[in-house]
Structures are given as C-alpha cells and as structure tokens.
N, C-alpha and C. Protein backbone atom coordinates (compact mmCIF):
# COMPACT_ATOMS: atom_id res chain seq x y z
N UNK A 1 28.32 76.37 -11.27
CA UNK A 1 28.70 77.95 -12.19
C UNK A 1 28.25 79.00 -10.95
N UNK A 2 27.32 79.47 -9.89
CA UNK A 2 27.40 80.40 -9.44
C UNK A 2 28.19 80.78 -8.02
N UNK A 3 28.50 79.28 -7.80
CA UNK A 3 30.00 78.98 -6.58
C UNK A 3 31.16 79.75 -7.08
N UNK A 4 31.15 79.07 -8.45
CA UNK A 4 32.55 79.41 -9.25
C UNK A 4 32.35 81.54 -9.41
N UNK A 5 31.68 81.97 -9.90
CA UNK A 5 31.31 83.17 -9.92
C UNK A 5 31.50 83.92 -8.36
N UNK A 6 30.94 83.64 -7.30
CA UNK A 6 31.03 83.89 -5.90
C UNK A 6 32.40 84.06 -5.57
N UNK A 7 33.37 82.90 -6.31
CA UNK A 7 34.74 82.69 -5.50
C UNK A 7 35.46 83.46 -6.57
N UNK A 8 35.21 83.72 -7.84
CA UNK A 8 35.74 84.62 -8.96
C UNK A 8 36.10 86.10 -8.25
N UNK A 9 34.47 86.18 -7.52
CA UNK A 9 34.13 87.89 -7.38
C UNK A 9 35.12 88.01 -5.86
N UNK A 10 35.21 87.01 -4.90
CA UNK A 10 36.25 86.54 -3.67
C UNK A 10 37.33 87.02 -3.90
N UNK A 11 38.50 86.81 -4.90
CA UNK A 11 39.75 86.80 -5.52
C UNK A 11 39.78 88.13 -5.97
N UNK A 12 38.82 88.53 -6.53
CA UNK A 12 39.23 89.97 -7.13
C UNK A 12 38.79 90.72 -6.07
N UNK A 13 37.97 90.94 -5.06
CA UNK A 13 37.71 91.82 -4.03
C UNK A 13 39.28 91.32 -3.53
N UNK A 14 39.42 90.02 -2.86
CA UNK A 14 40.29 89.92 -1.84
C UNK A 14 41.91 90.60 -2.48
N UNK A 15 42.22 90.64 -3.77
CA UNK A 15 43.05 91.47 -4.56
C UNK A 15 43.42 92.63 -4.76
N UNK A 16 41.53 93.41 -5.09
CA UNK A 16 42.01 94.79 -4.81
C UNK A 16 41.57 95.63 -2.97
N UNK A 17 41.17 95.01 -2.41
CA UNK A 17 41.45 95.28 -1.12
C UNK A 17 43.24 95.29 -1.05
N UNK A 18 44.17 93.75 -1.15
CA UNK A 18 45.48 93.57 -0.77
C UNK A 18 46.04 95.30 -1.81
N UNK A 19 45.77 95.43 -2.75
CA UNK A 19 46.05 96.54 -3.55
C UNK A 19 46.27 98.22 -3.00
N UNK A 20 45.22 97.90 -2.31
CA UNK A 20 44.48 99.40 -1.37
C UNK A 20 45.24 99.11 -0.22
N UNK A 21 45.45 98.07 0.27
CA UNK A 21 46.12 97.87 1.79
C UNK A 21 48.05 98.71 0.82
N UNK A 22 48.31 97.97 0.12
CA UNK A 22 49.58 98.47 -0.44
C UNK A 22 50.00 99.93 0.09
N UNK A 23 48.74 100.54 -0.73
CA UNK A 23 48.48 101.45 -1.29
C UNK A 23 48.65 102.42 -0.17
N UNK A 24 47.77 102.41 0.83
CA UNK A 24 47.75 103.11 2.34
C UNK A 24 48.78 102.88 3.02
N UNK A 25 49.47 101.99 3.10
CA UNK A 25 50.94 101.59 3.35
C UNK A 25 52.11 102.37 3.36
N UNK A 26 51.99 102.22 1.73
CA UNK A 26 53.00 103.26 1.50
C UNK A 26 52.67 104.82 1.71
N UNK A 27 51.52 105.37 1.61
CA UNK A 27 51.12 106.65 1.50
C UNK A 27 51.29 106.89 3.04
N UNK A 28 51.25 106.11 4.11
CA UNK A 28 51.07 106.03 5.63
C UNK A 28 52.46 106.38 5.98
N UNK A 29 53.71 105.57 5.29
CA UNK A 29 55.14 105.86 5.97
C UNK A 29 55.49 107.23 5.08
N UNK A 30 55.04 107.47 3.71
CA UNK A 30 55.62 108.95 3.53
C UNK A 30 54.83 109.94 4.32
N UNK A 31 53.53 110.18 5.80
CA UNK A 31 52.90 110.78 6.17
C UNK A 31 53.55 111.05 7.66
N UNK A 32 54.08 109.56 8.12
CA UNK A 32 54.24 109.48 9.29
C UNK A 32 55.65 109.16 9.50
N UNK A 33 56.70 109.48 8.67
CA UNK A 33 58.52 109.32 8.65
C UNK A 33 58.53 110.48 9.46
N UNK A 34 58.38 111.14 9.59
CA UNK A 34 58.40 112.56 10.61
C UNK A 34 57.96 112.36 12.01
N UNK A 35 57.50 111.17 11.70
CA UNK A 35 57.35 111.01 13.52
C UNK A 35 57.59 109.18 13.87
N UNK A 36 58.45 108.71 13.13
CA UNK A 36 58.87 107.28 13.20
C UNK A 36 59.34 107.68 15.03
N UNK A 37 58.83 106.66 15.75
CA UNK A 37 59.23 106.77 16.97
C UNK A 37 60.50 105.43 17.72
N UNK A 38 61.57 106.00 18.08
CA UNK A 38 63.08 105.36 18.25
C UNK A 38 63.52 105.62 17.24
N UNK A 39 63.47 106.12 16.23
CA UNK A 39 63.82 106.25 14.54
C UNK A 39 64.06 105.17 13.87
N UNK A 40 62.89 104.18 14.22
CA UNK A 40 62.82 103.23 12.97
C UNK A 40 61.27 102.35 13.25
N UNK A 41 59.97 103.10 14.08
CA UNK A 41 59.58 102.19 14.22
C UNK A 41 58.38 103.06 14.26
N UNK A 42 57.93 103.29 12.81
CA UNK A 42 56.65 104.06 11.89
C UNK A 42 55.69 103.56 12.26
N UNK A 43 54.73 104.52 12.44
CA UNK A 43 53.16 104.13 11.99
C UNK A 43 52.26 103.71 10.92
N UNK A 44 51.58 102.54 10.30
CA UNK A 44 50.80 103.25 9.07
C UNK A 44 49.68 102.24 9.14
N UNK A 45 48.97 102.44 8.23
CA UNK A 45 47.63 102.28 8.08
C UNK A 45 46.89 101.01 7.44
N UNK A 46 47.56 99.84 7.51
CA UNK A 46 47.16 98.94 6.23
C UNK A 46 46.76 98.05 6.87
N UNK A 47 46.82 97.76 8.37
CA UNK A 47 45.91 97.10 9.08
C UNK A 47 44.30 97.43 8.75
N UNK A 48 43.93 98.76 8.72
CA UNK A 48 42.36 98.90 8.39
C UNK A 48 41.65 98.08 7.35
N UNK A 49 42.63 97.76 6.45
CA UNK A 49 42.25 97.08 5.23
C UNK A 49 42.49 95.97 5.44
N UNK A 50 43.32 95.07 5.86
CA UNK A 50 43.56 93.75 5.83
C UNK A 50 42.54 93.73 7.46
N UNK A 51 41.94 94.08 8.29
CA UNK A 51 41.22 94.07 9.11
C UNK A 51 39.97 93.73 8.67
N UNK A 52 39.15 94.90 7.58
CA UNK A 52 38.56 94.77 6.77
C UNK A 52 38.03 93.26 6.03
N UNK A 53 39.04 93.06 5.40
CA UNK A 53 39.16 92.10 4.03
C UNK A 53 38.32 90.69 5.02
N UNK A 54 39.22 90.84 6.70
CA UNK A 54 39.13 89.72 7.67
C UNK A 54 37.53 89.82 8.12
N UNK A 55 36.81 90.46 8.65
CA UNK A 55 35.66 91.02 9.01
C UNK A 55 34.65 90.39 7.72
N UNK A 56 35.25 90.80 6.41
CA UNK A 56 34.17 90.08 5.38
C UNK A 56 34.24 88.73 5.20
N UNK A 57 35.72 88.42 4.87
CA UNK A 57 35.57 86.59 4.89
C UNK A 57 36.06 85.78 5.20
N UNK A 58 36.61 86.53 7.36
CA UNK A 58 36.82 85.55 8.20
C UNK A 58 38.44 86.20 8.20
N UNK A 59 39.44 85.58 9.10
CA UNK A 59 40.74 86.01 9.68
C UNK A 59 41.06 84.61 8.52
N UNK A 60 40.85 84.08 8.06
CA UNK A 60 41.74 83.32 6.85
C UNK A 60 42.26 84.06 5.73
N UNK A 61 41.34 85.30 5.42
CA UNK A 61 41.31 86.04 4.52
C UNK A 61 42.43 87.10 4.77
N UNK A 62 42.14 87.42 5.75
CA UNK A 62 42.91 88.47 6.45
C UNK A 62 44.44 88.31 6.61
N UNK A 63 44.73 86.58 7.29
CA UNK A 63 46.26 86.05 6.28
C UNK A 63 46.83 86.59 5.29
N UNK A 64 46.45 85.67 4.85
CA UNK A 64 46.40 85.63 3.25
C UNK A 64 46.56 87.49 2.55
N UNK A 65 45.93 88.24 2.85
CA UNK A 65 45.67 89.21 2.70
C UNK A 65 47.51 90.26 2.99
N UNK A 66 47.58 89.95 4.59
CA UNK A 66 48.64 89.81 5.40
C UNK A 66 50.32 89.83 4.84
N UNK A 67 49.93 88.29 4.46
CA UNK A 67 51.86 87.94 3.15
C UNK A 67 51.69 88.48 2.37
N UNK A 68 50.42 88.84 1.74
CA UNK A 68 50.67 89.52 0.06
C UNK A 68 51.18 90.82 0.37
N UNK A 69 50.77 91.52 0.93
CA UNK A 69 51.22 92.91 1.07
C UNK A 69 52.40 93.36 1.45
N UNK A 70 52.60 91.73 2.97
CA UNK A 70 54.28 91.73 3.35
C UNK A 70 54.82 92.34 2.74
N UNK A 71 54.80 91.25 1.75
CA UNK A 71 55.50 90.41 0.85
C UNK A 71 56.22 91.62 0.26
N UNK A 72 54.98 92.01 -0.98
CA UNK A 72 54.97 93.00 -2.41
C UNK A 72 55.72 94.39 -1.58
N UNK A 73 55.54 94.67 -0.32
CA UNK A 73 56.28 95.64 0.79
C UNK A 73 57.71 95.33 0.96
N UNK A 74 58.33 93.63 1.24
CA UNK A 74 59.63 93.66 1.71
C UNK A 74 60.07 93.72 0.13
N UNK A 75 59.66 93.29 -1.54
CA UNK A 75 60.63 93.69 -2.24
C UNK A 75 60.32 94.76 -3.26
N UNK A 76 59.38 95.30 -2.30
CA UNK A 76 60.21 96.78 -3.12
C UNK A 76 60.29 98.15 -2.02
N UNK A 77 59.54 98.70 -1.05
CA UNK A 77 59.86 99.81 -0.13
C UNK A 77 60.19 99.53 1.00
N UNK A 78 60.51 98.28 0.97
CA UNK A 78 61.26 98.02 2.62
C UNK A 78 62.52 97.42 2.33
N UNK A 79 63.81 98.14 3.41
CA UNK A 79 65.06 98.12 3.53
C UNK A 79 65.17 97.14 4.23
N UNK A 80 63.92 95.74 5.03
CA UNK A 80 64.46 95.24 6.66
C UNK A 80 64.67 93.97 5.75
N UNK A 81 64.12 93.52 4.87
CA UNK A 81 64.14 91.95 4.41
C UNK A 81 63.24 91.06 4.91
N UNK A 82 63.58 89.89 5.15
CA UNK A 82 63.00 88.81 5.97
C UNK A 82 62.85 89.28 7.24
N UNK A 83 63.15 90.18 7.74
CA UNK A 83 63.01 90.38 9.26
C UNK A 83 61.95 90.81 9.44
N UNK A 84 61.57 92.11 8.52
CA UNK A 84 60.56 93.01 8.11
C UNK A 84 58.90 92.27 7.48
N UNK A 85 59.39 91.14 7.10
CA UNK A 85 58.38 90.94 6.63
C UNK A 85 57.83 89.75 7.57
N UNK A 86 58.54 89.10 7.90
CA UNK A 86 58.29 88.39 9.63
C UNK A 86 57.35 89.39 10.24
N UNK A 87 57.55 90.28 10.72
CA UNK A 87 57.34 91.39 11.85
C UNK A 87 56.24 91.63 11.18
N UNK A 88 56.13 92.25 9.91
CA UNK A 88 54.96 93.00 9.73
C UNK A 88 53.91 91.91 9.83
N UNK A 89 53.82 90.41 9.35
CA UNK A 89 52.99 89.55 9.18
C UNK A 89 52.43 89.06 10.27
N UNK A 90 53.53 89.01 11.46
CA UNK A 90 53.24 88.81 13.21
C UNK A 90 52.04 89.44 13.46
N UNK A 91 52.59 91.01 13.08
CA UNK A 91 51.52 92.53 13.66
C UNK A 91 50.84 91.94 12.99
N UNK A 92 50.24 92.33 12.08
CA UNK A 92 49.15 92.55 11.30
C UNK A 92 48.26 91.86 11.68
N UNK A 93 48.57 90.16 11.95
CA UNK A 93 47.86 88.79 11.91
C UNK A 93 47.28 88.91 13.39
N UNK A 94 48.37 89.23 14.16
CA UNK A 94 47.34 89.43 15.50
C UNK A 94 46.60 90.32 15.70
N UNK A 95 46.44 91.85 15.15
CA UNK A 95 45.50 92.85 14.90
C UNK A 95 44.79 92.39 14.54
N UNK A 96 44.23 91.78 12.73
CA UNK A 96 43.56 91.82 12.29
C UNK A 96 42.93 90.00 12.34
N UNK A 97 43.74 89.27 12.22
CA UNK A 97 43.46 87.70 12.45
C UNK A 97 42.36 87.76 13.49
N UNK A 98 42.53 88.23 14.69
CA UNK A 98 41.99 87.85 16.51
C UNK A 98 40.86 88.87 16.05
N UNK A 99 40.64 89.68 15.26
CA UNK A 99 39.54 90.73 15.27
C UNK A 99 38.76 90.12 14.22
N UNK A 100 38.97 89.77 13.39
CA UNK A 100 37.58 88.77 12.35
C UNK A 100 37.00 87.69 12.98
N UNK A 101 38.61 87.09 13.61
CA UNK A 101 37.44 85.89 13.83
C UNK A 101 36.64 85.78 15.21
N UNK A 102 36.74 86.69 16.40
CA UNK A 102 36.09 87.38 16.63
C UNK A 102 34.67 87.97 16.53
N UNK A 103 34.79 88.66 15.14
CA UNK A 103 33.51 89.13 14.82
C UNK A 103 33.11 87.95 14.14
N UNK A 104 33.69 87.38 13.51
CA UNK A 104 32.97 86.28 12.64
C UNK A 104 32.03 85.58 13.21
N UNK A 105 32.19 85.53 15.27
CA UNK A 105 31.33 84.70 15.77
C UNK A 105 30.48 85.58 16.34
N UNK A 106 30.30 86.92 16.17
CA UNK A 106 29.59 87.71 16.79
C UNK A 106 29.35 89.21 15.87
N UNK A 107 28.46 88.67 14.81
CA UNK A 107 28.40 89.98 13.69
C UNK A 107 27.82 91.53 13.61
N UNK A 108 27.98 92.28 14.87
CA UNK A 108 27.12 93.29 14.94
C UNK A 108 28.26 94.00 15.33
N UNK A 109 28.17 95.47 15.83
CA UNK A 109 28.68 96.57 16.32
C UNK A 109 29.18 96.15 17.75
N UNK A 110 28.78 95.09 18.49
CA UNK A 110 29.72 94.90 19.76
C UNK A 110 30.56 94.14 19.42
N UNK A 111 30.54 93.10 18.54
CA UNK A 111 31.42 92.33 18.07
C UNK A 111 32.48 92.33 17.52
N UNK A 112 31.94 93.98 16.60
CA UNK A 112 33.45 94.38 15.84
C UNK A 112 34.21 94.95 16.58
N UNK A 113 33.42 96.11 17.88
CA UNK A 113 34.46 96.25 18.84
C UNK A 113 35.53 95.61 20.10
N UNK A 114 34.36 94.40 19.91
CA UNK A 114 34.74 93.94 20.77
C UNK A 114 36.36 93.07 20.58
N UNK A 115 35.95 92.62 18.93
CA UNK A 115 37.04 92.19 18.13
C UNK A 115 38.25 93.31 17.48
N UNK A 116 38.08 94.05 17.98
CA UNK A 116 39.09 94.80 17.38
C UNK A 116 39.94 95.45 18.87
N UNK A 117 39.23 95.41 20.09
CA UNK A 117 40.07 95.69 21.31
C UNK A 117 40.58 94.29 21.69
N UNK A 118 40.88 93.25 21.37
CA UNK A 118 41.31 92.08 21.56
C UNK A 118 42.66 92.14 20.51
N UNK A 119 42.05 92.53 19.06
CA UNK A 119 43.22 92.76 18.39
C UNK A 119 44.45 93.48 19.16
N UNK A 120 44.11 94.58 19.67
CA UNK A 120 45.10 95.39 20.08
C UNK A 120 45.62 94.94 21.19
N UNK A 121 45.09 94.21 21.79
CA UNK A 121 45.67 93.58 23.29
C UNK A 121 46.91 92.01 22.60
N UNK A 122 46.24 91.75 21.85
CA UNK A 122 47.03 90.54 20.89
C UNK A 122 48.54 91.43 20.63
N UNK A 123 48.06 91.93 19.57
CA UNK A 123 49.37 92.96 18.48
C UNK A 123 49.77 93.37 19.60
N UNK A 124 49.85 93.98 20.69
CA UNK A 124 50.60 95.10 21.29
C UNK A 124 51.33 93.60 22.42
N UNK A 125 50.60 92.07 22.69
CA UNK A 125 51.54 91.25 23.29
C UNK A 125 52.49 90.77 22.20
N UNK A 126 52.02 90.11 21.10
CA UNK A 126 53.09 89.21 20.55
C UNK A 126 54.19 90.14 19.69
N UNK A 127 53.86 91.65 19.88
CA UNK A 127 55.33 92.44 19.41
C UNK A 127 56.37 93.14 20.64
N UNK A 128 55.59 92.43 21.86
CA UNK A 128 56.46 92.71 22.83
C UNK A 128 56.83 91.44 22.49
N UNK A 129 56.82 90.27 22.79
CA UNK A 129 57.60 89.25 22.69
C UNK A 129 59.01 89.29 21.44
N UNK A 130 57.78 89.40 20.35
CA UNK A 130 58.71 89.21 19.21
C UNK A 130 59.98 90.38 18.65
N UNK A 131 59.53 91.55 19.72
CA UNK A 131 60.73 92.39 19.50
C UNK A 131 61.13 92.05 20.31
N UNK A 132 61.37 91.63 21.25
CA UNK A 132 62.21 91.17 22.56
C UNK A 132 63.37 89.76 21.77
N UNK A 133 62.49 89.06 20.79
CA UNK A 133 63.41 88.16 20.26
C UNK A 133 64.41 88.44 18.96
N UNK A 134 63.71 89.41 18.24
CA UNK A 134 63.83 89.60 17.46
C UNK A 134 65.17 91.30 16.83
N UNK A 135 64.39 92.39 17.79
CA UNK A 135 65.35 93.23 17.59
C UNK A 135 66.77 93.28 17.46
N UNK A 136 67.41 92.26 18.47
CA UNK A 136 68.38 92.65 18.52
C UNK A 136 69.33 91.98 17.65
N UNK A 137 68.60 91.09 16.91
CA UNK A 137 68.96 90.76 15.88
C UNK A 137 69.40 91.86 14.69
N UNK A 138 68.28 92.30 14.22
CA UNK A 138 68.06 93.10 13.37
C UNK A 138 69.00 95.09 13.83
N UNK A 139 68.47 95.34 14.81
CA UNK A 139 69.44 96.52 15.31
C UNK A 139 70.83 96.03 15.80
N UNK A 140 71.32 95.02 15.94
CA UNK A 140 72.28 94.89 16.47
C UNK A 140 73.21 95.18 18.01
N UNK A 141 72.41 95.12 18.70
CA UNK A 141 72.42 95.56 19.82
C UNK A 141 72.25 94.42 20.98
N UNK A 142 72.22 94.54 22.20
CA UNK A 142 72.25 93.42 23.09
C UNK A 142 70.32 93.26 23.32
N UNK A 143 70.44 91.73 23.95
CA UNK A 143 69.08 91.52 24.57
C UNK A 143 68.11 92.22 25.82
N UNK A 144 69.17 92.92 26.43
CA UNK A 144 69.33 93.35 27.37
C UNK A 144 69.37 95.24 27.17
N UNK A 145 69.70 95.75 26.51
CA UNK A 145 68.73 96.67 25.43
C UNK A 145 67.60 96.94 25.40
N UNK A 146 67.20 96.03 24.14
CA UNK A 146 65.95 95.60 23.63
C UNK A 146 65.18 95.44 25.29
N UNK A 147 65.13 95.09 26.23
CA UNK A 147 64.39 94.42 26.99
C UNK A 147 64.00 95.99 27.61
N UNK A 148 65.40 97.02 28.00
CA UNK A 148 64.52 98.23 28.53
C UNK A 148 63.74 99.09 27.71
N UNK A 149 63.81 99.09 26.30
CA UNK A 149 63.22 99.71 25.63
C UNK A 149 61.33 99.14 25.34
N UNK A 150 61.21 97.58 25.80
CA UNK A 150 59.81 97.26 25.82
C UNK A 150 58.37 97.83 26.32
N UNK A 151 58.76 98.51 27.67
CA UNK A 151 57.33 99.08 27.96
C UNK A 151 57.50 100.50 27.84
N UNK A 152 58.36 101.27 27.63
CA UNK A 152 58.74 102.62 27.37
C UNK A 152 58.48 103.12 25.51
N UNK A 153 58.69 102.15 24.86
CA UNK A 153 59.30 102.16 23.97
C UNK A 153 58.01 101.35 22.67
N UNK A 154 58.57 100.32 22.55
CA UNK A 154 57.56 98.82 22.02
C UNK A 154 55.79 99.24 22.40
N UNK A 155 55.57 99.02 23.63
CA UNK A 155 54.47 98.67 24.23
C UNK A 155 53.31 100.12 23.38
N UNK A 156 53.63 101.28 24.04
CA UNK A 156 53.13 102.27 23.46
C UNK A 156 53.11 102.44 22.00
N UNK A 157 54.05 102.60 21.67
CA UNK A 157 53.98 102.62 19.56
C UNK A 157 52.92 101.57 19.62
N UNK A 158 52.93 100.29 19.94
CA UNK A 158 51.92 99.08 19.51
C UNK A 158 50.43 99.73 20.13
N UNK A 159 50.02 100.21 21.07
CA UNK A 159 49.09 100.07 21.70
C UNK A 159 48.06 101.33 20.24
N UNK A 160 49.42 102.61 20.67
CA UNK A 160 48.92 103.63 19.38
C UNK A 160 48.71 103.18 18.15
N UNK A 161 48.92 102.36 17.26
CA UNK A 161 49.07 102.10 16.01
C UNK A 161 48.11 101.06 16.42
N UNK A 162 48.13 100.52 17.26
CA UNK A 162 46.64 99.13 17.01
C UNK A 162 44.95 100.50 17.25
N UNK A 163 45.53 101.26 18.02
CA UNK A 163 44.24 102.52 18.46
C UNK A 163 43.99 102.35 17.34
N UNK A 164 44.85 102.80 16.87
CA UNK A 164 44.56 104.50 15.24
C UNK A 164 43.58 103.17 14.47
N UNK A 165 44.58 102.24 14.12
CA UNK A 165 44.23 101.59 13.18
C UNK A 165 42.09 100.42 13.61
N UNK A 166 42.23 100.72 14.90
CA UNK A 166 40.57 100.21 15.65
C UNK A 166 39.81 101.09 14.94
N UNK A 167 39.83 102.49 15.33
CA UNK A 167 39.42 103.56 15.13
C UNK A 167 38.86 103.89 13.38
N UNK A 168 40.10 103.82 12.63
CA UNK A 168 39.48 103.91 11.63
C UNK A 168 38.48 102.70 10.93
N UNK A 169 39.33 101.36 11.39
CA UNK A 169 38.25 100.47 10.83
C UNK A 169 37.14 100.32 11.02
N UNK A 170 36.68 101.24 12.36
CA UNK A 170 35.05 100.88 12.59
C UNK A 170 34.48 102.44 11.85
N UNK A 171 35.19 103.50 11.40
CA UNK A 171 34.98 104.78 10.83
C UNK A 171 34.58 104.20 9.04
N UNK A 172 35.45 102.96 8.71
CA UNK A 172 35.26 102.87 7.06
C UNK A 172 34.51 101.61 6.74
N UNK A 173 34.46 100.45 8.08
CA UNK A 173 34.06 98.80 7.41
C UNK A 173 32.31 99.19 6.71
N UNK A 174 31.77 100.49 7.42
CA UNK A 174 29.99 100.01 6.60
C UNK A 174 30.13 100.65 5.03
N UNK A 175 31.09 102.28 5.13
CA UNK A 175 30.94 102.57 3.62
C UNK A 175 31.59 101.37 2.93
N UNK A 176 32.37 100.81 3.15
CA UNK A 176 33.58 100.13 2.32
C UNK A 176 32.76 98.83 1.35
N UNK A 177 31.88 98.59 2.57
CA UNK A 177 31.56 97.30 2.06
C UNK A 177 30.07 97.49 1.38
N UNK A 178 29.54 98.72 1.86
CA UNK A 178 28.61 99.01 0.96
C UNK A 178 29.08 99.16 -0.84
N UNK A 179 30.16 99.99 -0.75
CA UNK A 179 30.38 100.58 -1.67
C UNK A 179 30.83 99.12 -2.90
N UNK A 180 31.49 98.28 -2.04
CA UNK A 180 31.07 96.52 -2.84
C UNK A 180 30.30 96.10 -2.97
N UNK A 181 29.16 96.52 -2.39
CA UNK A 181 28.12 95.72 -2.32
C UNK A 181 27.44 96.25 -4.15
N UNK A 182 27.26 97.77 -3.82
CA UNK A 182 27.30 98.84 -4.86
C UNK A 182 27.60 98.19 -6.01
N UNK A 183 29.13 98.19 -6.60
CA UNK A 183 30.09 97.22 -6.85
C UNK A 183 29.82 96.10 -7.85
N UNK A 184 28.62 95.58 -6.72
CA UNK A 184 28.47 93.94 -6.98
C UNK A 184 29.54 92.64 -6.82
N UNK A 185 30.11 93.54 -6.23
CA UNK A 185 31.83 92.28 -5.69
C UNK A 185 31.33 92.24 -4.77
N UNK A 186 30.17 92.35 -3.56
CA UNK A 186 30.12 91.52 -2.64
C UNK A 186 28.20 91.28 -2.69
N UNK A 187 27.64 89.96 -1.98
CA UNK A 187 26.34 89.94 -2.41
C UNK A 187 26.03 90.80 -1.38
N UNK A 188 24.63 90.81 -0.84
CA UNK A 188 23.82 91.87 0.18
C UNK A 188 24.21 91.06 1.13
N UNK A 189 23.90 89.76 1.35
CA UNK A 189 24.26 88.92 3.06
C UNK A 189 25.53 88.83 2.82
N UNK A 190 26.20 89.11 2.80
CA UNK A 190 27.90 89.25 2.92
C UNK A 190 28.51 90.46 3.66
N UNK A 191 29.20 90.34 4.66
CA UNK A 191 29.93 91.06 4.90
C UNK A 191 29.64 91.53 6.29
N UNK A 192 28.25 91.27 6.48
CA UNK A 192 27.76 92.55 7.41
C UNK A 192 27.96 93.46 7.74
N UNK A 193 27.64 94.46 8.32
CA UNK A 193 27.77 96.22 8.25
C UNK A 193 26.49 96.32 7.20
N UNK A 194 25.66 96.56 7.59
CA UNK A 194 24.63 96.75 6.28
C UNK A 194 24.24 98.09 7.73
N UNK A 195 23.85 99.28 6.73
CA UNK A 195 23.19 100.21 7.26
C UNK A 195 24.93 101.22 7.78
N UNK A 196 24.14 102.56 7.77
CA UNK A 196 25.63 103.74 7.89
C UNK A 196 25.92 103.35 9.56
N UNK A 197 27.19 103.89 9.59
CA UNK A 197 27.24 104.31 10.69
C UNK A 197 27.08 105.30 11.87
N UNK A 198 26.53 104.17 12.73
CA UNK A 198 25.86 105.32 13.82
C UNK A 198 27.00 106.28 15.02
N UNK A 199 26.02 107.48 15.55
CA UNK A 199 26.69 108.80 15.53
C UNK A 199 27.35 108.25 16.94
N UNK A 200 26.95 106.61 17.88
CA UNK A 200 26.94 106.18 18.76
C UNK A 200 28.79 105.77 18.78
N UNK A 201 29.08 105.28 17.86
CA UNK A 201 30.11 105.01 17.11
C UNK A 201 30.85 105.71 15.83
N UNK A 202 30.83 106.63 15.66
CA UNK A 202 31.53 107.99 15.41
C UNK A 202 32.28 108.65 15.78
N UNK A 203 31.53 109.37 16.99
CA UNK A 203 32.44 109.99 17.88
C UNK A 203 33.14 109.26 18.72
N UNK A 204 32.68 108.30 19.20
CA UNK A 204 34.07 107.47 19.55
C UNK A 204 35.15 107.33 19.04
N UNK A 205 34.93 106.50 18.19
CA UNK A 205 36.21 106.50 16.88
C UNK A 205 36.91 107.68 16.51
N UNK A 206 36.19 108.70 16.64
CA UNK A 206 36.91 110.00 15.94
C UNK A 206 37.95 110.38 17.51
N UNK A 207 37.29 110.29 18.60
CA UNK A 207 38.05 110.82 19.60
C UNK A 207 39.42 109.84 19.76
N UNK A 208 39.24 107.95 19.88
CA UNK A 208 40.16 107.23 19.86
C UNK A 208 41.36 107.96 18.37
N UNK A 209 40.94 108.05 17.33
CA UNK A 209 41.53 108.38 16.50
C UNK A 209 42.32 109.51 16.43
N UNK A 210 41.75 110.99 17.35
CA UNK A 210 42.35 112.00 17.49
C UNK A 210 43.33 111.60 18.64
N UNK A 211 43.45 110.99 19.85
CA UNK A 211 43.67 110.45 20.72
C UNK A 211 45.11 110.07 20.39
N UNK A 212 44.60 109.06 19.69
CA UNK A 212 45.60 108.31 19.30
C UNK A 212 47.26 109.33 18.05
N UNK A 213 46.49 110.33 17.21
CA UNK A 213 47.74 111.28 16.71
C UNK A 213 48.08 111.86 17.03
N UNK A 214 47.43 112.36 18.39
CA UNK A 214 48.41 113.46 19.55
C UNK A 214 49.49 112.34 20.11
N UNK A 215 48.93 110.82 20.44
CA UNK A 215 49.99 110.33 20.93
C UNK A 215 51.14 110.00 20.12
N UNK A 216 50.61 110.40 18.46
CA UNK A 216 51.77 109.78 17.56
C UNK A 216 52.84 111.04 18.20
N UNK A 217 52.12 112.40 17.89
CA UNK A 217 52.90 113.02 18.47
C UNK A 217 53.74 113.27 19.30
N UNK A 218 53.28 112.69 20.41
CA UNK A 218 54.22 112.86 21.71
C UNK A 218 55.35 111.80 21.80
N UNK A 219 54.86 110.78 21.37
CA UNK A 219 56.29 109.43 21.17
C UNK A 219 56.80 109.57 20.74
N UNK A 220 56.74 110.70 19.15
CA UNK A 220 57.42 111.36 17.74
C UNK A 220 58.81 112.23 18.44
N UNK A 221 58.00 112.72 19.92
CA UNK A 221 58.74 114.19 20.45
C UNK A 221 58.62 115.55 19.87
N UNK A 222 57.40 115.65 18.73
CA UNK A 222 56.69 117.14 18.23
C UNK A 222 55.75 117.43 19.14
N UNK A 223 55.73 116.89 20.48
CA UNK A 223 54.51 117.63 20.70
C UNK A 223 55.02 117.54 22.37
C-alpha cells in the first residue's frame, strides 16, 4: 500500500512538473520572441523544470516529461509539427537526461554542476548534428547553407541556452525540492538537495545567468 502511495505521488509530481514546464516554455517564448536568433531560434527555460524532474526521479523521468511537454507544445503553440517535436525532445533529453544521469551517481553539488556541464556539452553537440540533418528540411535550404550556420549561429545559440538553463537549475533545485517536501509530494530522503543554496553556488550561477542574458542580446542583435 505504501509503495502504491509513493508511486501515485511520483506520478502526480511528474505531471505537475510537466505542467509547470509547459507554462515556463510558453512564457519564455513570449519573453524571448523579440530576441530570436536567425529569426527562428527562440530561447526558453523549460529545460530547467525537466532537469529538476530528472534530478529528483532520474533520467528516465526527465525523458518522459520531455516527451509529454514537447507533445503538448506541438499540438498547442508550435507551428513546426513533428520536426519541432523531434528537435525539442532531442535538445531537452541531451541536456536534462545527461545531467540527471550523472547526478544520480553523485548526488551532491559537485555532481549537479558536473552533470549540468556535461548536459551543456551534450546538448550543443547533439543539436549541431541534428540541425545539420533536419534544418534543411524545415527551412527549405541546402545542407551547405545550414553547414555555414553551424558554428556562427547554432553552436552559440545552444551553448547560451544550455548555460542559462543550467544556471537557473542550480538556483531553483533546492528551493523547489524543499517546497515539494513541504507539500508532502516528496519524502525527506528523495531528490537530494537538502539545505539551502550556498552563496558559493548562487554567485557563480547568477554570473552565468547574467552573462547568458547579455549573450542573448548580442546574438539577437539587440546589443
């Protein structure tokens, strides 16, 4: 009976995190739409919530939340169809699943930072490959034209997007886990993240976040 209650709470928590991730995605698109790169690459922060889901429950949960949020996005606010769905899942899973897989092996701040850094690298590399393969179909341009955009456009976009999501994840993970525990959706032993966020984490994360925002302005031509 107790195990069933824990499973039910996990499902409820993941569903709630998926809903929050969708709202964050929607609001991010509204905020960052004027700062799109190359006219179609838009920054958003939904990977923060998906990475946190992975940190709490593991990389498989991050994958499921990513698929659900990307599917809802596809049928509600997106105009890119299955291609956009595929790219969303690939991007988010490369970041959140890699980060949470590493964190699941080393559940402390060093593991979180290492996981997020590896997620940043994985997401950038994966999206370089898949933009090279898929973007010609989406944009109706030649593969040579897309190849010319990989380093000056796609690589900095994905690096900045992943860095921004990593910084916000570090800032929000412990407070969010604490809130879920107070709501009795998580037991005290679940999710790690005990205690408050230390100043030694807050300051570097804020520095990365501010730097990322400035780079968003630069990449979008607003600075």
